[in-house]
N, C-alpha and C. Protein backbone atom coordinates (compact mmCIF):
# COMPACT_ATOMS: atom_id res chain seq x y z
N UNK A 1 -1.33 -18.94 3.39
CA UNK A 1 -0.57 -17.80 3.85
C UNK A 1 0.75 -17.70 3.09
N UNK A 2 1.33 -18.84 2.78
CA UNK A 2 2.58 -18.86 2.04
C UNK A 2 2.36 -18.35 0.62
N UNK A 3 1.21 -18.69 0.04
CA UNK A 3 0.90 -18.23 -1.31
C UNK A 3 0.74 -16.72 -1.34
N UNK A 4 0.07 -16.17 -0.34
CA UNK A 4 -0.09 -14.72 -0.25
C UNK A 4 1.26 -14.03 -0.13
N UNK A 5 2.13 -14.57 0.68
CA UNK A 5 3.47 -14.00 0.82
C UNK A 5 4.22 -14.05 -0.51
N UNK A 6 4.11 -15.17 -1.22
CA UNK A 6 4.75 -15.28 -2.53
C UNK A 6 4.22 -14.24 -3.50
N UNK A 7 2.90 -14.07 -3.54
CA UNK A 7 2.29 -13.11 -4.47
C UNK A 7 2.75 -11.70 -4.15
N UNK A 8 2.81 -11.34 -2.89
CA UNK A 8 3.25 -9.99 -2.51
C UNK A 8 4.71 -9.77 -2.87
N UNK A 9 5.57 -10.71 -2.51
CA UNK A 9 7.00 -10.56 -2.79
C UNK A 9 7.26 -10.55 -4.30
N UNK A 10 6.61 -11.45 -5.02
CA UNK A 10 6.79 -11.49 -6.48
C UNK A 10 6.25 -10.23 -7.13
N UNK A 11 5.13 -9.72 -6.65
CA UNK A 11 4.57 -8.49 -7.19
C UNK A 11 5.48 -7.30 -6.99
N UNK A 12 6.06 -7.19 -5.81
CA UNK A 12 7.00 -6.10 -5.54
C UNK A 12 8.24 -6.24 -6.40
N UNK A 13 8.76 -7.45 -6.50
CA UNK A 13 9.94 -7.68 -7.34
C UNK A 13 9.69 -7.35 -8.79
N UNK A 14 8.55 -7.78 -9.31
CA UNK A 14 8.23 -7.49 -10.71
C UNK A 14 7.99 -6.00 -10.93
N UNK A 15 7.42 -5.32 -9.95
CA UNK A 15 7.23 -3.87 -10.08
C UNK A 15 8.57 -3.16 -10.15
N UNK A 16 9.53 -3.60 -9.36
CA UNK A 16 10.86 -2.98 -9.41
C UNK A 16 11.54 -3.23 -10.74
N UNK A 17 11.38 -4.45 -11.26
CA UNK A 17 11.96 -4.76 -12.57
C UNK A 17 11.26 -3.94 -13.66
N UNK A 18 9.94 -3.81 -13.55
CA UNK A 18 9.19 -3.01 -14.53
C UNK A 18 9.64 -1.56 -14.55
N UNK A 19 9.93 -1.01 -13.38
CA UNK A 19 10.37 0.38 -13.32
C UNK A 19 11.72 0.57 -14.00
N UNK A 20 12.55 -0.44 -13.93
CA UNK A 20 13.89 -0.32 -14.50
C UNK A 20 13.98 -0.63 -15.97
N UNK A 21 13.02 -1.38 -16.49
CA UNK A 21 13.08 -1.78 -17.90
C UNK A 21 11.74 -1.56 -18.57
N UNK A 22 11.78 -1.30 -19.84
CA UNK A 22 10.58 -1.24 -20.66
C UNK A 22 9.68 -0.07 -20.34
N UNK A 23 8.56 0.00 -21.06
CA UNK A 23 7.62 1.09 -20.83
C UNK A 23 6.89 0.89 -19.50
N UNK A 24 6.87 1.93 -18.71
CA UNK A 24 6.23 1.88 -17.39
C UNK A 24 5.45 3.17 -17.20
N UNK A 25 4.19 3.06 -16.85
CA UNK A 25 3.35 4.23 -16.62
C UNK A 25 3.38 4.54 -15.13
N UNK A 26 4.07 5.62 -14.74
CA UNK A 26 4.22 5.95 -13.33
C UNK A 26 2.92 6.42 -12.69
N UNK A 27 2.00 6.95 -13.49
CA UNK A 27 0.74 7.41 -12.92
C UNK A 27 -0.14 6.25 -12.48
N UNK A 28 -0.22 5.21 -13.29
CA UNK A 28 -1.07 4.07 -12.94
C UNK A 28 -0.26 2.91 -12.36
N UNK A 29 1.05 3.03 -12.34
CA UNK A 29 1.95 2.00 -11.82
C UNK A 29 1.73 0.66 -12.51
N UNK A 30 1.65 0.70 -13.83
CA UNK A 30 1.45 -0.51 -14.62
C UNK A 30 2.62 -0.74 -15.54
N UNK A 31 3.17 -1.92 -15.48
CA UNK A 31 4.19 -2.35 -16.41
C UNK A 31 3.79 -3.68 -17.01
N UNK A 32 4.48 -4.09 -18.02
CA UNK A 32 4.13 -5.33 -18.72
C UNK A 32 4.23 -6.55 -17.81
N UNK A 33 5.31 -6.66 -17.05
CA UNK A 33 5.47 -7.84 -16.17
C UNK A 33 4.40 -7.87 -15.08
N UNK A 34 4.08 -6.72 -14.54
CA UNK A 34 3.03 -6.66 -13.51
C UNK A 34 1.68 -7.07 -14.05
N UNK A 35 1.37 -6.62 -15.26
CA UNK A 35 0.10 -7.00 -15.88
C UNK A 35 0.03 -8.50 -16.13
N UNK A 36 1.11 -9.06 -16.64
CA UNK A 36 1.14 -10.50 -16.89
C UNK A 36 1.02 -11.29 -15.59
N UNK A 37 1.67 -10.81 -14.55
CA UNK A 37 1.62 -11.49 -13.25
C UNK A 37 0.20 -11.45 -12.69
N UNK A 38 -0.46 -10.29 -12.77
CA UNK A 38 -1.83 -10.20 -12.28
C UNK A 38 -2.77 -11.10 -13.08
N UNK A 39 -2.55 -11.17 -14.37
CA UNK A 39 -3.36 -12.05 -15.21
C UNK A 39 -3.14 -13.52 -14.85
N UNK A 40 -1.89 -13.88 -14.58
CA UNK A 40 -1.56 -15.27 -14.24
C UNK A 40 -2.10 -15.67 -12.87
N UNK A 41 -2.26 -14.72 -11.95
CA UNK A 41 -2.74 -15.05 -10.61
C UNK A 41 -4.23 -14.79 -10.43
N UNK A 42 -4.91 -14.33 -11.47
CA UNK A 42 -6.33 -14.02 -11.36
C UNK A 42 -7.17 -15.28 -11.11
N UNK A 43 -7.05 -16.27 -11.96
CA UNK A 43 -7.87 -17.49 -11.83
C UNK A 43 -7.54 -18.25 -10.54
N UNK A 44 -6.25 -18.48 -10.20
CA UNK A 44 -5.99 -19.15 -8.93
C UNK A 44 -6.51 -18.38 -7.72
N UNK A 45 -6.47 -17.06 -7.79
CA UNK A 45 -7.00 -16.26 -6.68
C UNK A 45 -8.51 -16.40 -6.54
N UNK A 46 -9.20 -16.40 -7.67
CA UNK A 46 -10.65 -16.56 -7.63
C UNK A 46 -11.04 -17.95 -7.13
N UNK A 47 -10.35 -18.97 -7.61
CA UNK A 47 -10.69 -20.32 -7.16
C UNK A 47 -10.39 -20.52 -5.68
N UNK A 48 -9.35 -19.88 -5.20
CA UNK A 48 -9.03 -19.96 -3.78
C UNK A 48 -10.12 -19.28 -2.95
N UNK A 49 -10.59 -18.14 -3.41
CA UNK A 49 -11.67 -17.46 -2.70
C UNK A 49 -12.95 -18.27 -2.68
N UNK A 50 -13.29 -18.89 -3.80
CA UNK A 50 -14.48 -19.74 -3.86
C UNK A 50 -14.32 -20.93 -2.93
N UNK A 51 -13.14 -21.51 -2.89
CA UNK A 51 -12.89 -22.65 -2.01
C UNK A 51 -13.07 -22.26 -0.54
N UNK A 52 -12.59 -21.07 -0.17
CA UNK A 52 -12.75 -20.61 1.22
C UNK A 52 -14.22 -20.38 1.55
N UNK A 53 -14.98 -19.85 0.59
CA UNK A 53 -16.40 -19.66 0.82
C UNK A 53 -17.11 -21.00 0.96
N UNK A 54 -16.72 -21.99 0.18
CA UNK A 54 -17.33 -23.31 0.31
C UNK A 54 -16.98 -23.94 1.66
N UNK A 55 -15.82 -23.60 2.22
CA UNK A 55 -15.44 -24.11 3.54
C UNK A 55 -16.41 -23.67 4.62
N UNK A 56 -17.01 -22.48 4.44
CA UNK A 56 -17.97 -21.99 5.43
C UNK A 56 -19.41 -22.14 4.93
N UNK A 57 -19.60 -23.06 3.98
CA UNK A 57 -20.93 -23.39 3.44
C UNK A 57 -21.64 -22.21 2.80
N UNK A 58 -20.90 -21.38 2.09
CA UNK A 58 -21.47 -20.28 1.33
C UNK A 58 -21.24 -20.54 -0.15
N UNK A 59 -22.08 -19.96 -0.97
CA UNK A 59 -21.94 -20.12 -2.41
C UNK A 59 -20.75 -19.30 -2.91
N UNK A 60 -20.10 -19.80 -3.94
CA UNK A 60 -18.98 -19.08 -4.53
C UNK A 60 -19.39 -17.77 -5.18
N UNK A 61 -20.68 -17.62 -5.47
CA UNK A 61 -21.18 -16.39 -6.08
C UNK A 61 -21.05 -15.20 -5.13
N UNK A 62 -20.90 -15.45 -3.84
CA UNK A 62 -20.72 -14.36 -2.88
C UNK A 62 -19.43 -13.60 -3.15
N UNK A 63 -18.52 -14.22 -3.85
CA UNK A 63 -17.26 -13.55 -4.19
C UNK A 63 -17.52 -12.33 -5.07
N UNK A 64 -18.59 -12.36 -5.85
CA UNK A 64 -18.93 -11.22 -6.71
C UNK A 64 -19.39 -10.00 -5.92
N UNK A 65 -19.75 -10.18 -4.67
CA UNK A 65 -20.17 -9.04 -3.85
C UNK A 65 -19.05 -8.03 -3.71
N UNK A 66 -17.82 -8.49 -3.78
CA UNK A 66 -16.68 -7.58 -3.72
C UNK A 66 -16.63 -6.62 -4.89
N UNK A 67 -17.18 -7.02 -6.03
CA UNK A 67 -17.23 -6.14 -7.19
C UNK A 67 -18.29 -5.06 -7.04
N UNK A 68 -19.33 -5.37 -6.28
CA UNK A 68 -20.43 -4.42 -6.11
C UNK A 68 -20.10 -3.38 -5.04
N UNK A 69 -19.50 -3.81 -3.94
CA UNK A 69 -19.23 -2.89 -2.83
C UNK A 69 -17.83 -2.43 -2.83
């Protein structure tokens, strides 16, 4: 829960910094810092999801169902 709070707060902070500096696309809300942050948190987020699925005796491949639906 603490990690989720950190990701949300850091994401909001980086979005505000992105809006104030550098190229920022207001239509897609993408800035360089936000992209780098999402890239840096992608693998830890996936591994955390797989770990939670293993906690309930499910395969980590079930995480891919989110891409389909």
